[in-house]
Amino acid sequence: MTEPPAAVRTVVVTGAGRGLGEAMARRAARDGFRVVVAEVDAARGEAGAARLREEGLVAHAIPCDVADPASVCALAGRVAALGPLYAVVNNAALADGVGGKEFQEIDVADFDRLWAVNARGPWLVTKALYGPLTAHGGPARIVNIASDAALYGSPRLAHYLATKGAVIALTRGMARELGDKGITVNALAPGLTECEATAAVPGERHGLYRANRAISRAQQPEDLTGLLSFLLSEESRYITGQLLAVNGGFTMH
């Protein structure tokens, strides 16, 4: 890997060691950004960054637990040392095997575990990276990954829906505060995407999506990356506070 000049801008993607996060990191790197793969599993993060570097892309792996303030603070310090930070993509979330219980059956520990990662995590990461994000004085981007499950109201996922609904509200609040500072904040709501994180999703739910999408084929991580590329670009400079669903028409609003 040949490191680009310091003027090349950095994009941090949390949870980018696999699946959708890796696909988004790959697209950002192909668009010419220096990518930071921020991943709670250090080995998985390094493996993901290595796959990008094998393609001639610029990627750094930095371990980060988005639920741990000390870990997030350490991420911010290492990111600042790389050079100008342009964008944060808050993708890290707990989604593997979180469903199956009705709301009254969910225990407090499970609710709090999801809340710490999925809802508090994006706020904590963006708060820690705010300094590096604004240090260069230019425009910047924040993209939060929500879920169309929060729009549909998927059953037996109440705690997950609550966290993703919080991400949508957080996006709008931050957009109001950061608009005149040259920072846009938007959220993407993918549908049920075929990747490692959804491998354990019951066939019944996959069938629900197949039967109700306007585009019935299975959703792939790459179906989201074109829109991410647009939101990171200069062309999206007047779009902020928006929730954009990418789910083949499973939900329409």
Protein backbone atom coordinates (compact mmCIF):
# COMPACT_ATOMS: atom_id res chain seq x y z
CA MET A 1 0.00 0.00 0.00
CA THR A 2 1.33 3.41 -0.96
CA GLU A 3 0.15 6.09 1.43
CA PRO A 4 -1.32 9.13 -0.38
CA PRO A 5 -0.33 12.72 0.34
CA ALA A 6 -1.57 14.21 3.61
CA ALA A 7 -4.15 16.24 1.66
CA VAL A 8 -6.11 13.07 0.88
CA ARG A 9 -9.16 12.97 3.11
CA THR A 10 -10.09 10.22 5.54
CA VAL A 11 -13.41 8.41 5.89
CA VAL A 12 -14.05 6.37 9.04
CA VAL A 13 -16.45 3.43 8.68
CA THR A 14 -17.38 1.64 11.89
CA GLY A 15 -18.12 -2.07 11.77
CA ALA A 16 -16.30 -2.28 8.44
CA GLY A 17 -14.55 -5.61 8.93
CA ARG A 18 -17.20 -7.55 7.04
CA GLY A 19 -20.48 -7.43 5.14
CA LEU A 20 -22.20 -4.13 4.50
CA GLY A 21 -19.56 -2.14 6.37
CA GLU A 22 -16.76 -3.61 4.30
CA ALA A 23 -18.65 -2.92 1.08
CA MET A 24 -19.11 0.72 2.07
CA ALA A 25 -15.46 1.07 3.05
CA ARG A 26 -14.44 -0.44 -0.29
CA ARG A 27 -16.58 2.03 -2.23
CA ALA A 28 -15.24 5.00 -0.29
CA ALA A 29 -11.67 3.82 -0.91
CA ARG A 30 -12.38 3.37 -4.61
CA ASP A 31 -13.67 6.94 -4.65
CA GLY A 32 -10.22 8.06 -3.54
CA PHE A 33 -10.58 8.37 0.21
CA ARG A 34 -8.24 7.01 2.83
CA VAL A 35 -10.45 4.58 4.74
CA VAL A 36 -10.32 3.66 8.42
CA VAL A 37 -11.84 0.27 9.17
CA ALA A 38 -13.02 0.72 12.77
CA GLU A 39 -13.96 -2.72 14.06
CA VAL A 40 -14.57 -4.18 17.53
CA ASP A 41 -12.92 -7.46 16.48
CA ALA A 42 -9.31 -6.41 15.84
CA ALA A 43 -8.45 -9.49 13.76
CA ARG A 44 -11.55 -9.11 11.62
CA GLY A 45 -10.85 -5.42 11.13
CA GLU A 46 -7.28 -6.04 10.03
CA ALA A 47 -8.41 -8.79 7.67
CA GLY A 48 -10.98 -6.46 6.13
CA ALA A 49 -8.45 -3.66 5.69
CA ALA A 50 -5.97 -6.14 4.21
CA ARG A 51 -8.51 -7.19 1.58
CA LEU A 52 -8.88 -3.55 0.56
CA ARG A 53 -5.12 -3.04 0.44
CA GLU A 54 -4.78 -6.12 -1.78
CA GLU A 55 -6.95 -4.23 -4.28
CA GLY A 56 -4.53 -1.30 -4.19
CA LEU A 57 -6.78 0.77 -1.94
CA VAL A 58 -5.69 2.80 1.09
CA ALA A 59 -7.09 1.34 4.31
CA HIS A 60 -6.11 1.37 7.96
CA ALA A 61 -7.57 -0.92 10.61
CA ILE A 62 -8.18 0.58 14.06
CA PRO A 63 -9.85 -1.52 16.77
CA CYS A 64 -12.85 0.21 18.31
CA ASP A 65 -15.73 -0.78 20.54
CA VAL A 66 -18.33 1.92 19.85
CA ALA A 67 -20.00 1.19 23.20
CA ASP A 68 -16.80 1.97 25.15
CA PRO A 69 -15.96 5.68 25.57
CA ALA A 70 -12.25 4.96 26.16
CA SER A 71 -12.03 2.87 23.00
CA VAL A 72 -13.80 5.57 20.98
CA CYS A 73 -11.47 8.22 22.40
CA ALA A 74 -8.47 6.14 21.33
CA LEU A 75 -9.96 5.85 17.83
CA ALA A 76 -10.29 9.63 17.61
CA GLY A 77 -6.65 10.14 18.56
CA ARG A 78 -5.38 7.73 15.93
CA VAL A 79 -7.70 9.11 13.24
CA ALA A 80 -6.55 12.67 13.91
CA ALA A 81 -2.95 11.61 13.34
CA LEU A 82 -3.73 10.32 9.84
CA GLY A 83 -4.66 13.66 8.33
CA PRO A 84 -7.85 15.55 7.45
CA LEU A 85 -11.03 13.71 8.44
CA TYR A 86 -13.82 14.22 5.93
CA ALA A 87 -16.56 11.76 6.83
CA VAL A 88 -17.88 9.37 9.45
CA VAL A 89 -20.06 6.42 8.50
CA ASN A 90 -21.74 5.04 11.62
CA ASN A 91 -22.43 1.47 10.55
CA ALA A 92 -21.47 -0.66 13.58
CA ALA A 93 -24.49 -2.33 15.13
CA LEU A 94 -25.62 -5.51 16.82
CA ALA A 95 -27.90 -7.35 14.42
CA ASP A 96 -26.83 -10.99 14.55
CA GLY A 97 -29.48 -13.13 16.20
CA VAL A 98 -31.19 -10.29 18.07
CA GLY A 99 -34.79 -11.12 17.10
CA GLY A 100 -37.33 -13.74 18.05
CA LYS A 101 -38.84 -12.32 21.24
CA GLU A 102 -41.93 -10.19 21.63
CA PHE A 103 -41.38 -6.88 23.39
CA GLN A 104 -42.59 -8.11 26.78
CA GLU A 105 -40.14 -11.03 26.66
CA ILE A 106 -37.01 -8.92 26.09
CA ASP A 107 -34.93 -8.53 29.22
CA VAL A 108 -33.29 -5.31 30.35
CA ALA A 109 -29.74 -6.55 29.72
CA ASP A 110 -30.49 -7.34 26.08
CA PHE A 111 -32.23 -4.00 25.54
CA ASP A 112 -29.34 -2.09 27.11
CA ARG A 113 -26.75 -4.09 25.15
CA LEU A 114 -28.34 -3.12 21.83
CA TRP A 115 -28.89 0.46 22.94
CA ALA A 116 -25.25 0.94 23.91
CA VAL A 117 -23.97 -0.15 20.49
CA ASN A 118 -26.71 0.74 18.00
CA ALA A 119 -28.04 4.03 19.40
CA ARG A 120 -25.44 5.47 21.78
CA GLY A 121 -22.54 4.27 19.62
CA PRO A 122 -23.15 6.62 16.65
CA TRP A 123 -23.50 9.58 19.01
CA LEU A 124 -20.37 8.64 20.96
CA VAL A 125 -18.26 8.10 17.81
CA THR A 126 -19.41 11.33 16.16
CA LYS A 127 -18.89 13.29 19.38
CA ALA A 128 -15.32 11.99 19.70
CA LEU A 129 -14.53 12.62 16.03
CA TYR A 130 -16.10 16.08 15.92
CA GLY A 131 -12.75 17.77 16.56
CA PRO A 132 -10.89 16.02 13.71
CA LEU A 133 -13.96 16.40 11.48
CA THR A 134 -13.98 20.18 11.85
CA ALA A 135 -10.23 20.83 12.22
CA HIS A 136 -9.60 21.31 8.50
CA GLY A 137 -12.31 23.97 8.17
CA GLY A 138 -13.88 22.46 5.07
CA PRO A 139 -17.11 20.59 4.35
CA ALA A 140 -17.70 17.25 6.00
CA ARG A 141 -20.16 14.37 5.93
CA ILE A 142 -21.84 12.14 8.51
CA VAL A 143 -23.82 9.12 7.35
CA ASN A 144 -25.70 7.01 9.89
CA ILE A 145 -26.95 3.52 9.05
CA ALA A 146 -30.49 2.97 10.28
CA SER A 147 -32.79 0.14 9.13
CA ASP A 148 -36.04 -0.19 7.24
CA ALA A 149 -37.18 -2.48 10.05
CA ALA A 150 -37.84 0.68 12.07
CA LEU A 151 -40.07 1.96 9.25
CA TYR A 152 -41.96 -1.29 8.79
CA GLY A 153 -42.31 -2.12 12.48
CA SER A 154 -40.98 -5.65 12.18
CA PRO A 155 -42.40 -7.94 14.88
CA ARG A 156 -40.22 -9.58 17.53
CA LEU A 157 -37.53 -6.94 17.14
CA ALA A 158 -38.78 -4.15 19.41
CA HIS A 159 -35.43 -3.38 21.05
CA TYR A 160 -33.64 -3.33 17.68
CA LEU A 161 -36.35 -1.09 16.18
CA ALA A 162 -36.03 1.30 19.11
CA THR A 163 -32.29 1.70 18.54
CA LYS A 164 -32.68 2.30 14.81
CA GLY A 165 -35.50 4.76 15.40
CA ALA A 166 -33.14 6.60 17.73
CA VAL A 167 -30.52 6.73 14.95
CA ILE A 168 -33.07 8.41 12.67
CA ALA A 169 -33.92 11.01 15.34
CA LEU A 170 -30.24 11.57 16.14
CA THR A 171 -29.57 12.18 12.45
CA ARG A 172 -32.17 14.93 12.28
CA GLY A 173 -31.00 16.57 15.50
CA MET A 174 -27.36 16.65 14.40
CA ALA A 175 -28.34 17.91 10.94
CA ARG A 176 -30.07 20.94 12.50
CA GLU A 177 -27.04 21.75 14.62
CA LEU A 178 -24.36 21.22 11.97
CA GLY A 179 -25.94 22.57 8.78
CA ASP A 180 -24.36 26.01 8.90
CA LYS A 181 -21.01 24.49 9.82
CA GLY A 182 -20.75 22.81 6.42
CA ILE A 183 -21.48 19.33 7.73
CA THR A 184 -24.32 17.30 6.28
CA VAL A 185 -25.89 14.47 8.27
CA ASN A 186 -28.04 11.83 6.62
CA ALA A 187 -29.23 8.31 7.35
CA LEU A 188 -29.53 5.27 5.11
CA ALA A 189 -32.10 2.59 5.89
CA PRO A 190 -31.13 -0.67 4.17
CA GLY A 191 -33.52 -3.57 3.92
CA LEU A 192 -32.70 -7.17 4.75
CA THR A 193 -29.28 -7.47 3.10
CA GLU A 194 -27.55 -10.75 2.36
CA CYS A 195 -24.33 -10.71 4.40
CA GLU A 196 -22.76 -12.34 7.44
CA ALA A 197 -24.82 -10.30 9.90
CA THR A 198 -28.11 -11.62 8.49
CA ALA A 199 -27.07 -15.23 7.96
CA ALA A 200 -29.09 -16.35 10.99
CA VAL A 201 -32.24 -14.42 10.08
CA PRO A 202 -35.14 -16.90 9.85
CA GLY A 203 -36.30 -17.94 6.38
CA GLU A 204 -39.74 -16.58 7.21
CA ARG A 205 -38.39 -13.02 7.32
CA HIS A 206 -36.46 -13.46 4.07
CA GLY A 207 -39.70 -14.70 2.52
CA LEU A 208 -41.57 -11.64 3.79
CA TYR A 209 -39.09 -9.37 2.03
CA ARG A 210 -39.16 -11.38 -1.20
CA ALA A 211 -42.94 -11.27 -1.30
CA ASN A 212 -43.26 -7.55 -0.59
CA ARG A 213 -40.35 -5.88 -2.38
CA ALA A 214 -41.10 -4.06 -5.62
CA ILE A 215 -37.74 -5.45 -6.76
CA SER A 216 -38.01 -9.02 -5.55
CA ARG A 217 -34.39 -10.16 -5.85
CA ALA A 218 -32.28 -10.45 -2.72
CA GLN A 219 -30.58 -7.27 -1.56
CA GLN A 220 -26.78 -7.19 -1.70
CA PRO A 221 -24.37 -4.86 0.17
CA GLU A 222 -23.40 -3.21 -3.12
CA ASP A 223 -27.00 -2.02 -3.57
CA LEU A 224 -26.28 0.60 -0.91
CA THR A 225 -22.83 1.76 -1.86
CA GLY A 226 -23.77 3.96 -4.82
CA LEU A 227 -25.97 6.12 -2.61
CA LEU A 228 -23.24 6.30 0.01
CA SER A 229 -20.83 7.47 -2.69
CA PHE A 230 -23.28 10.23 -3.63
CA LEU A 231 -23.74 11.34 -0.02
CA LEU A 232 -19.97 11.58 0.41
CA SER A 233 -19.64 13.65 -2.75
CA GLU A 234 -19.83 17.40 -3.35
CA GLU A 235 -23.06 16.86 -5.32
CA SER A 236 -24.93 16.09 -2.07
CA ARG A 237 -23.91 19.34 -0.37
CA TYR A 238 -27.50 20.62 -0.01
CA ILE A 239 -29.01 17.39 1.30
CA THR A 240 -29.12 16.96 5.06
CA GLY A 241 -31.36 15.53 7.76
CA GLN A 242 -32.79 12.97 5.35
CA LEU A 243 -33.62 9.30 5.75
CA LEU A 244 -33.12 7.38 2.51
CA ALA A 245 -34.50 3.85 2.35
CA VAL A 246 -32.68 1.38 0.11
CA ASN A 247 -34.72 -1.80 0.15
CA GLY A 248 -36.05 -2.50 -3.32
CA GLY A 249 -39.36 -0.86 -2.47
CA PHE A 250 -40.18 -2.99 0.57
CA THR A 251 -41.23 0.21 2.29
CA MET A 252 -42.29 3.35 0.45
CA HIS A 253 -42.69 6.75 2.04
